[in-house]
Amino acid sequence: MATEAVPNGAVVSLETRIGIAAGDIPAGSSGTVHVEGV
């Protein structure tokens, strides 16, 4: 759940690790972040 707009490919802080946005995520919307991979 994005509190601010997140562009595709952006690093997302998950507090104790990071994820990578799988697509654009508008503020206040839910989107997918990848947490595995290189």
PDB file of all heavy atoms in Angstrom:
ATOM      1  N   MET A   1       0.855  -1.185   0.000  1.00  0.00           N
ATOM      2  CA  MET A   1       0.000   0.000   0.000  1.00  0.00           C
ATOM      3  C   MET A   1       0.893   1.238   0.000  1.00  0.00           C
ATOM      4  O   MET A   1       1.617   1.493   0.961  1.00  0.00           O
ATOM      5  CB  MET A   1      -0.916   0.003   1.236  1.00  0.00           C
ATOM      6  CG  MET A   1      -1.830   1.216   1.299  1.00  0.00           C
ATOM      7  SD  MET A   1      -2.939   1.413  -0.111  1.00  0.00           S
ATOM      8  CE  MET A   1      -4.091   0.096   0.151  1.00  0.00           C
ATOM      9  N   ALA A   2       0.855   1.984  -1.086  1.00  0.00           N
ATOM     10  CA  ALA A   2       1.721   3.157  -1.252  1.00  0.00           C
ATOM     11  C   ALA A   2       1.121   4.387  -0.577  1.00  0.00           C
ATOM     12  O   ALA A   2      -0.040   4.716  -0.809  1.00  0.00           O
ATOM     13  CB  ALA A   2       1.935   3.434  -2.737  1.00  0.00           C
ATOM     14  N   THR A   3       1.901   5.047   0.249  1.00  0.00           N
ATOM     15  CA  THR A   3       1.458   6.300   0.866  1.00  0.00           C
ATOM     16  C   THR A   3       1.771   7.485  -0.038  1.00  0.00           C
ATOM     17  O   THR A   3       1.204   8.555   0.122  1.00  0.00           O
ATOM     18  CB  THR A   3       2.134   6.508   2.238  1.00  0.00           C
ATOM     19  OG1 THR A   3       3.556   6.472   2.056  1.00  0.00           O
ATOM     20  CG2 THR A   3       1.711   5.419   3.213  1.00  0.00           C
ATOM     21  N   GLU A   4       2.700   7.271  -0.974  1.00  0.00           N
ATOM     22  CA  GLU A   4       3.017   8.273  -1.995  1.00  0.00           C
ATOM     23  C   GLU A   4       3.237   7.524  -3.304  1.00  0.00           C
ATOM     24  O   GLU A   4       3.436   6.307  -3.300  1.00  0.00           O
ATOM     25  CB  GLU A   4       4.260   9.078  -1.622  1.00  0.00           C
ATOM     26  CG  GLU A   4       5.491   8.237  -1.398  1.00  0.00           C
ATOM     27  CD  GLU A   4       6.667   9.051  -0.863  1.00  0.00           C
ATOM     28  OE1 GLU A   4       6.468   9.872   0.046  1.00  0.00           O
ATOM     29  OE2 GLU A   4       7.780   8.847  -1.373  1.00  0.00           O
ATOM     30  N   ALA A   5       3.170   8.218  -4.428  1.00  0.00           N
ATOM     31  CA  ALA A   5       3.331   7.574  -5.728  1.00  0.00           C
ATOM     32  C   ALA A   5       4.692   6.889  -5.820  1.00  0.00           C
ATOM     33  O   ALA A   5       5.716   7.452  -5.411  1.00  0.00           O
ATOM     34  CB  ALA A   5       3.181   8.591  -6.844  1.00  0.00           C
ATOM     35  N   VAL A   6       4.697   5.670  -6.344  1.00  0.00           N
ATOM     36  CA  VAL A   6       5.921   4.887  -6.499  1.00  0.00           C
ATOM     37  C   VAL A   6       6.044   4.503  -7.970  1.00  0.00           C
ATOM     38  O   VAL A   6       5.175   3.816  -8.501  1.00  0.00           O
ATOM     39  CB  VAL A   6       5.881   3.608  -5.639  1.00  0.00           C
ATOM     40  CG1 VAL A   6       7.139   2.780  -5.837  1.00  0.00           C
ATOM     41  CG2 VAL A   6       5.670   3.933  -4.169  1.00  0.00           C
ATOM     42  N   PRO A   7       7.112   4.951  -8.646  1.00  0.00           N
ATOM     43  CA  PRO A   7       7.269   4.591 -10.061  1.00  0.00           C
ATOM     44  C   PRO A   7       7.763   3.157 -10.244  1.00  0.00           C
ATOM     45  O   PRO A   7       8.408   2.583  -9.357  1.00  0.00           O
ATOM     46  CB  PRO A   7       8.303   5.586 -10.578  1.00  0.00           C
ATOM     47  CG  PRO A   7       9.065   6.009  -9.375  1.00  0.00           C
ATOM     48  CD  PRO A   7       8.136   5.894  -8.204  1.00  0.00           C
ATOM     49  N   ASN A   8       7.454   2.589 -11.388  1.00  0.00           N
ATOM     50  CA  ASN A   8       7.915   1.247 -11.750  1.00  0.00           C
ATOM     51  C   ASN A   8       9.430   1.154 -11.569  1.00  0.00           C
ATOM     52  O   ASN A   8      10.173   2.035 -11.997  1.00  0.00           O
ATOM     53  CB  ASN A   8       7.538   0.966 -13.206  1.00  0.00           C
ATOM     54  CG  ASN A   8       7.962  -0.400 -13.664  1.00  0.00           C
ATOM     55  OD1 ASN A   8       7.995  -1.353 -12.892  1.00  0.00           O
ATOM     56  ND2 ASN A   8       8.296  -0.515 -14.928  1.00  0.00           N
ATOM     57  N   GLY A   9       9.895   0.101 -10.918  1.00  0.00           N
ATOM     58  CA  GLY A   9      11.323  -0.130 -10.728  1.00  0.00           C
ATOM     59  C   GLY A   9      11.931   0.574  -9.528  1.00  0.00           C
ATOM     60  O   GLY A   9      13.113   0.383  -9.237  1.00  0.00           O
ATOM     61  N   ALA A  10      11.145   1.358  -8.812  1.00  0.00           N
ATOM     62  CA  ALA A  10      11.673   2.079  -7.650  1.00  0.00           C
ATOM     63  C   ALA A  10      11.917   1.121  -6.486  1.00  0.00           C
ATOM     64  O   ALA A  10      11.211   0.125  -6.321  1.00  0.00           O
ATOM     65  CB  ALA A  10      10.707   3.173  -7.207  1.00  0.00           C
ATOM     66  N   VAL A  11      12.918   1.443  -5.685  1.00  0.00           N
ATOM     67  CA  VAL A  11      13.179   0.685  -4.464  1.00  0.00           C
ATOM     68  C   VAL A  11      12.161   1.134  -3.417  1.00  0.00           C
ATOM     69  O   VAL A  11      11.930   2.326  -3.229  1.00  0.00           O
ATOM     70  CB  VAL A  11      14.616   0.932  -3.951  1.00  0.00           C
ATOM     71  CG1 VAL A  11      14.839   0.239  -2.619  1.00  0.00           C
ATOM     72  CG2 VAL A  11      15.627   0.462  -4.986  1.00  0.00           C
ATOM     73  N   VAL A  12      11.554   0.171  -2.750  1.00  0.00           N
ATOM     74  CA  VAL A  12      10.548   0.433  -1.720  1.00  0.00           C
ATOM     75  C   VAL A  12      11.088  -0.096  -0.395  1.00  0.00           C
ATOM     76  O   VAL A  12      11.484  -1.262  -0.299  1.00  0.00           O
ATOM     77  CB  VAL A  12       9.221  -0.275  -2.069  1.00  0.00           C
ATOM     78  CG1 VAL A  12       8.210  -0.121  -0.949  1.00  0.00           C
ATOM     79  CG2 VAL A  12       8.672   0.245  -3.385  1.00  0.00           C
ATOM     80  N   SER A  13      11.102   0.758   0.615  1.00  0.00           N
ATOM     81  CA  SER A  13      11.544   0.323   1.939  1.00  0.00           C
ATOM     82  C   SER A  13      10.437  -0.476   2.609  1.00  0.00           C
ATOM     83  O   SER A  13       9.296  -0.030   2.711  1.00  0.00           O
ATOM     84  CB  SER A  13      11.877   1.524   2.815  1.00  0.00           C
ATOM     85  OG  SER A  13      12.073   1.101   4.157  1.00  0.00           O
ATOM     86  N   LEU A  14      10.799  -1.669   3.086  1.00  0.00           N
ATOM     87  CA  LEU A  14       9.887  -2.502   3.863  1.00  0.00           C
ATOM     88  C   LEU A  14      10.421  -2.618   5.293  1.00  0.00           C
ATOM     89  O   LEU A  14      10.241  -3.631   5.958  1.00  0.00           O
ATOM     90  CB  LEU A  14       9.737  -3.881   3.200  1.00  0.00           C
ATOM     91  CG  LEU A  14       9.219  -3.856   1.760  1.00  0.00           C
ATOM     92  CD1 LEU A  14       9.237  -5.254   1.151  1.00  0.00           C
ATOM     93  CD2 LEU A  14       7.841  -3.237   1.674  1.00  0.00           C
ATOM     94  N   GLU A  15      11.108  -1.574   5.728  1.00  0.00           N
ATOM     95  CA  GLU A  15      11.685  -1.425   7.066  1.00  0.00           C
ATOM     96  C   GLU A  15      12.892  -2.323   7.315  1.00  0.00           C
ATOM     97  O   GLU A  15      13.954  -1.832   7.624  1.00  0.00           O
ATOM     98  CB  GLU A  15      10.640  -1.629   8.166  1.00  0.00           C
ATOM     99  CG  GLU A  15       9.455  -0.691   8.083  1.00  0.00           C
ATOM    100  CD  GLU A  15       9.826   0.785   8.131  1.00  0.00           C
ATOM    101  OE1 GLU A  15      10.775   1.155   8.849  1.00  0.00           O
ATOM    102  OE2 GLU A  15       9.168   1.565   7.435  1.00  0.00           O
ATOM    103  N   THR A  16      12.755  -3.628   7.218  1.00  0.00           N
ATOM    104  CA  THR A  16      13.865  -4.543   7.495  1.00  0.00           C
ATOM    105  C   THR A  16      14.445  -5.161   6.232  1.00  0.00           C
ATOM    106  O   THR A  16      15.296  -6.044   6.301  1.00  0.00           O
ATOM    107  CB  THR A  16      13.420  -5.688   8.426  1.00  0.00           C
ATOM    108  OG1 THR A  16      12.389  -6.440   7.769  1.00  0.00           O
ATOM    109  CG2 THR A  16      12.920  -5.151   9.758  1.00  0.00           C
ATOM    110  N   ARG A  17      13.982  -4.702   5.075  1.00  0.00           N
ATOM    111  CA  ARG A  17      14.439  -5.163   3.762  1.00  0.00           C
ATOM    112  C   ARG A  17      13.834  -4.252   2.719  1.00  0.00           C
ATOM    113  O   ARG A  17      13.093  -3.336   3.058  1.00  0.00           O
ATOM    114  CB  ARG A  17      14.060  -6.623   3.519  1.00  0.00           C
ATOM    115  CG  ARG A  17      12.564  -6.874   3.481  1.00  0.00           C
ATOM    116  CD  ARG A  17      12.185  -8.309   3.750  1.00  0.00           C
ATOM    117  NE  ARG A  17      12.552  -8.649   5.111  1.00  0.00           N
ATOM    118  CZ  ARG A  17      13.389  -9.643   5.440  1.00  0.00           C
ATOM    119  NH1 ARG A  17      13.897 -10.421   4.527  1.00  0.00           N
ATOM    120  NH2 ARG A  17      13.691  -9.893   6.691  1.00  0.00           N
ATOM    121  N   ILE A  18      14.145  -4.492   1.473  1.00  0.00           N
ATOM    122  CA  ILE A  18      13.589  -3.677   0.404  1.00  0.00           C
ATOM    123  C   ILE A  18      12.812  -4.553  -0.575  1.00  0.00           C
ATOM    124  O   ILE A  18      12.962  -5.772  -0.603  1.00  0.00           O
ATOM    125  CB  ILE A  18      14.674  -2.901  -0.370  1.00  0.00           C
ATOM    126  CG1 ILE A  18      15.649  -3.850  -1.083  1.00  0.00           C
ATOM    127  CG2 ILE A  18      15.391  -1.918   0.552  1.00  0.00           C
ATOM    128  CD1 ILE A  18      16.583  -3.182  -2.068  1.00  0.00           C
ATOM    129  N   GLY A  19      11.992  -3.899  -1.368  1.00  0.00           N
ATOM    130  CA  GLY A  19      11.310  -4.524  -2.489  1.00  0.00           C
ATOM    131  C   GLY A  19      11.477  -3.616  -3.692  1.00  0.00           C
ATOM    132  O   GLY A  19      11.911  -2.466  -3.562  1.00  0.00           O
ATOM    133  N   ILE A  20      11.132  -4.115  -4.867  1.00  0.00           N
ATOM    134  CA  ILE A  20      11.220  -3.348  -6.098  1.00  0.00           C
ATOM    135  C   ILE A  20       9.816  -3.268  -6.696  1.00  0.00           C
ATOM    136  O   ILE A  20       9.180  -4.306  -6.921  1.00  0.00           O
ATOM    137  CB  ILE A  20      12.189  -4.005  -7.109  1.00  0.00           C
ATOM    138  CG1 ILE A  20      13.556  -4.295  -6.469  1.00  0.00           C
ATOM    139  CG2 ILE A  20      12.303  -3.159  -8.369  1.00  0.00           C
ATOM    140  CD1 ILE A  20      14.343  -3.077  -6.042  1.00  0.00           C
ATOM    141  N   ALA A  21       9.345  -2.048  -6.964  1.00  0.00           N
ATOM    142  CA  ALA A  21       8.008  -1.871  -7.525  1.00  0.00           C
ATOM    143  C   ALA A  21       7.911  -2.552  -8.887  1.00  0.00           C
ATOM    144  O   ALA A  21       8.742  -2.332  -9.761  1.00  0.00           O
ATOM    145  CB  ALA A  21       7.685  -0.388  -7.642  1.00  0.00           C
ATOM    146  N   ALA A  22       6.877  -3.382  -9.058  1.00  0.00           N
ATOM    147  CA  ALA A  22       6.674  -4.130 -10.295  1.00  0.00           C
ATOM    148  C   ALA A  22       5.956  -3.297 -11.352  1.00  0.00           C
ATOM    149  O   ALA A  22       5.865  -3.699 -12.501  1.00  0.00           O
ATOM    150  CB  ALA A  22       5.882  -5.401 -10.011  1.00  0.00           C
ATOM    151  N   GLY A  23       5.462  -2.149 -10.963  1.00  0.00           N
ATOM    152  CA  GLY A  23       4.767  -1.233 -11.870  1.00  0.00           C
ATOM    153  C   GLY A  23       4.525   0.056 -11.124  1.00  0.00           C
ATOM    154  O   GLY A  23       4.840   0.162  -9.932  1.00  0.00           O
ATOM    155  N   ASP A  24       3.989   1.048 -11.810  1.00  0.00           N
ATOM    156  CA  ASP A  24       3.648   2.304 -11.135  1.00  0.00           C
ATOM    157  C   ASP A  24       2.569   2.023 -10.083  1.00  0.00           C
ATOM    158  O   ASP A  24       1.607   1.300 -10.347  1.00  0.00           O
ATOM    159  CB  ASP A  24       3.113   3.332 -12.134  1.00  0.00           C
ATOM    160  CG  ASP A  24       4.170   3.803 -13.118  1.00  0.00           C
ATOM    161  OD1 ASP A  24       5.371   3.717 -12.798  1.00  0.00           O
ATOM    162  OD2 ASP A  24       3.789   4.263 -14.209  1.00  0.00           O
ATOM    163  N   ILE A  25       2.741   2.602  -8.895  1.00  0.00           N
ATOM    164  CA  ILE A  25       1.752   2.452  -7.829  1.00  0.00           C
ATOM    165  C   ILE A  25       1.315   3.858  -7.418  1.00  0.00           C
ATOM    166  O   ILE A  25       2.106   4.604  -6.831  1.00  0.00           O
ATOM    167  CB  ILE A  25       2.320   1.701  -6.604  1.00  0.00           C
ATOM    168  CG1 ILE A  25       2.970   0.376  -7.012  1.00  0.00           C
ATOM    169  CG2 ILE A  25       1.209   1.465  -5.577  1.00  0.00           C
ATOM    170  CD1 ILE A  25       3.718  -0.315  -5.877  1.00  0.00           C
ATOM    171  N   PRO A  26       0.089   4.244  -7.734  1.00  0.00           N
ATOM    172  CA  PRO A  26      -0.379   5.575  -7.335  1.00  0.00           C
ATOM    173  C   PRO A  26      -0.485   5.698  -5.808  1.00  0.00           C
ATOM    174  O   PRO A  26      -0.721   4.706  -5.111  1.00  0.00           O
ATOM    175  CB  PRO A  26      -1.769   5.674  -7.980  1.00  0.00           C
ATOM    176  CG  PRO A  26      -1.801   4.616  -9.036  1.00  0.00           C
ATOM    177  CD  PRO A  26      -0.891   3.528  -8.539  1.00  0.00           C
ATOM    178  N   ALA A  27      -0.335   6.912  -5.307  1.00  0.00           N
ATOM    179  CA  ALA A  27      -0.481   7.165  -3.869  1.00  0.00           C
ATOM    180  C   ALA A  27      -1.851   6.693  -3.407  1.00  0.00           C
ATOM    181  O   ALA A  27      -2.860   6.896  -4.095  1.00  0.00           O
ATOM    182  CB  ALA A  27      -0.311   8.646  -3.581  1.00  0.00           C
ATOM    183  N   GLY A  28      -1.888   6.010  -2.270  1.00  0.00           N
ATOM    184  CA  GLY A  28      -3.129   5.520  -1.708  1.00  0.00           C
ATOM    185  C   GLY A  28      -3.648   4.247  -2.346  1.00  0.00           C
ATOM    186  O   GLY A  28      -4.740   3.798  -2.028  1.00  0.00           O
ATOM    187  N   SER A  29      -2.859   3.673  -3.238  1.00  0.00           N
ATOM    188  CA  SER A  29      -3.267   2.447  -3.923  1.00  0.00           C
ATOM    189  C   SER A  29      -2.352   1.290  -3.552  1.00  0.00           C
ATOM    190  O   SER A  29      -1.246   1.487  -3.084  1.00  0.00           O
ATOM    191  CB  SER A  29      -3.211   2.639  -5.441  1.00  0.00           C
ATOM    192  OG  SER A  29      -4.130   3.613  -5.837  1.00  0.00           O
ATOM    193  N   SER A  30      -2.833   0.092  -3.811  1.00  0.00           N
ATOM    194  CA  SER A  30      -2.047  -1.105  -3.580  1.00  0.00           C
ATOM    195  C   SER A  30      -1.419  -1.538  -4.894  1.00  0.00           C
ATOM    196  O   SER A  30      -2.043  -1.457  -5.955  1.00  0.00           O
ATOM    197  CB  SER A  30      -2.960  -2.216  -3.047  1.00  0.00           C
ATOM    198  OG  SER A  30      -2.230  -3.387  -2.812  1.00  0.00           O
ATOM    199  N   GLY A  31      -0.176  -1.979  -4.811  1.00  0.00           N
ATOM    200  CA  GLY A  31       0.530  -2.467  -5.988  1.00  0.00           C
ATOM    201  C   GLY A  31       1.467  -3.584  -5.587  1.00  0.00           C
ATOM    202  O   GLY A  31       1.583  -3.932  -4.411  1.00  0.00           O
ATOM    203  N   THR A  32       2.154  -4.119  -6.566  1.00  0.00           N
ATOM    204  CA  THR A  32       3.031  -5.261  -6.337  1.00  0.00           C
ATOM    205  C   THR A  32       4.484  -4.827  -6.219  1.00  0.00           C
ATOM    206  O   THR A  32       4.955  -4.012  -7.007  1.00  0.00           O
ATOM    207  CB  THR A  32       2.898  -6.271  -7.499  1.00  0.00           C
ATOM    208  OG1 THR A  32       1.536  -6.692  -7.567  1.00  0.00           O
ATOM    209  CG2 THR A  32       3.794  -7.475  -7.303  1.00  0.00           C
ATOM    210  N   VAL A  33       5.174  -5.384  -5.221  1.00  0.00           N
ATOM    211  CA  VAL A  33       6.616  -5.207  -5.114  1.00  0.00           C
ATOM    212  C   VAL A  33       7.261  -6.586  -5.104  1.00  0.00           C
ATOM    213  O   VAL A  33       6.773  -7.518  -4.461  1.00  0.00           O
ATOM    214  CB  VAL A  33       7.051  -4.400  -3.861  1.00  0.00           C
ATOM    215  CG1 VAL A  33       6.560  -2.972  -3.934  1.00  0.00           C
ATOM    216  CG2 VAL A  33       6.603  -5.038  -2.583  1.00  0.00           C
ATOM    217  N   HIS A  34       8.346  -6.705  -5.856  1.00  0.00           N
ATOM    218  CA  HIS A  34       9.114  -7.949  -5.878  1.00  0.00           C
ATOM    219  C   HIS A  34      10.047  -7.957  -4.675  1.00  0.00           C
ATOM    220  O   HIS A  34      10.687  -6.952  -4.371  1.00  0.00           O
ATOM    221  CB  HIS A  34       9.941  -8.054  -7.157  1.00  0.00           C
ATOM    222  CG  HIS A  34       9.107  -8.169  -8.390  1.00  0.00           C
ATOM    223  ND1 HIS A  34       8.435  -9.306  -8.737  1.00  0.00           N
ATOM    224  CD2 HIS A  34       8.829  -7.265  -9.356  1.00  0.00           C
ATOM    225  CE1 HIS A  34       7.787  -9.114  -9.852  1.00  0.00           C
ATOM    226  NE2 HIS A  34       7.996  -7.878 -10.254  1.00  0.00           N
ATOM    227  N   VAL A  35      10.121  -9.099  -3.988  1.00  0.00           N
ATOM    228  CA  VAL A  35      11.010  -9.231  -2.837  1.00  0.00           C
ATOM    229  C   VAL A  35      12.025 -10.354  -3.031  1.00  0.00           C
ATOM    230  O   VAL A  35      12.796 -10.653  -2.126  1.00  0.00           O
ATOM    231  CB  VAL A  35      10.224  -9.424  -1.521  1.00  0.00           C
ATOM    232  CG1 VAL A  35       9.459  -8.157  -1.161  1.00  0.00           C
ATOM    233  CG2 VAL A  35       9.286 -10.617  -1.604  1.00  0.00           C
ATOM    234  N   GLU A  36      12.011 -10.960  -4.207  1.00  0.00           N
ATOM    235  CA  GLU A  36      12.994 -11.980  -4.561  1.00  0.00           C
ATOM    236  C   GLU A  36      13.549 -11.651  -5.934  1.00  0.00           C
ATOM    237  O   GLU A  36      12.922 -10.945  -6.714  1.00  0.00           O
ATOM    238  CB  GLU A  36      12.356 -13.376  -4.579  1.00  0.00           C
ATOM    239  CG  GLU A  36      11.950 -13.864  -3.216  1.00  0.00           C
ATOM    240  CD  GLU A  36      11.408 -15.293  -3.241  1.00  0.00           C
ATOM    241  OE1 GLU A  36      11.299 -15.885  -4.334  1.00  0.00           O
ATOM    242  OE2 GLU A  36      11.092 -15.797  -2.165  1.00  0.00           O
ATOM    243  N   GLY A  37      14.722 -12.175  -6.217  1.00  0.00           N
ATOM    244  CA  GLY A  37      15.323 -11.976  -7.521  1.00  0.00           C
ATOM    245  C   GLY A  37      16.617 -11.186  -7.423  1.00  0.00           C
ATOM    246  O   GLY A  37      17.031 -10.757  -6.340  1.00  0.00           O
ATOM    247  N   VAL A  38      17.251 -10.997  -8.569  1.00  0.00           N
ATOM    248  CA  VAL A  38      18.494 -10.225  -8.667  1.00  0.00           C
ATOM    249  C   VAL A  38      18.196  -8.979  -9.485  1.00  0.00           C
ATOM    250  O   VAL A  38      17.638  -9.068 -10.589  1.00  0.00           O
ATOM    251  CB  VAL A  38      19.612 -11.055  -9.332  1.00  0.00           C
ATOM    252  CG1 VAL A  38      20.873 -10.221  -9.510  1.00  0.00           C
ATOM    253  CG2 VAL A  38      19.912 -12.303  -8.508  1.00  0.00           C
TER     254      VAL A  38
END
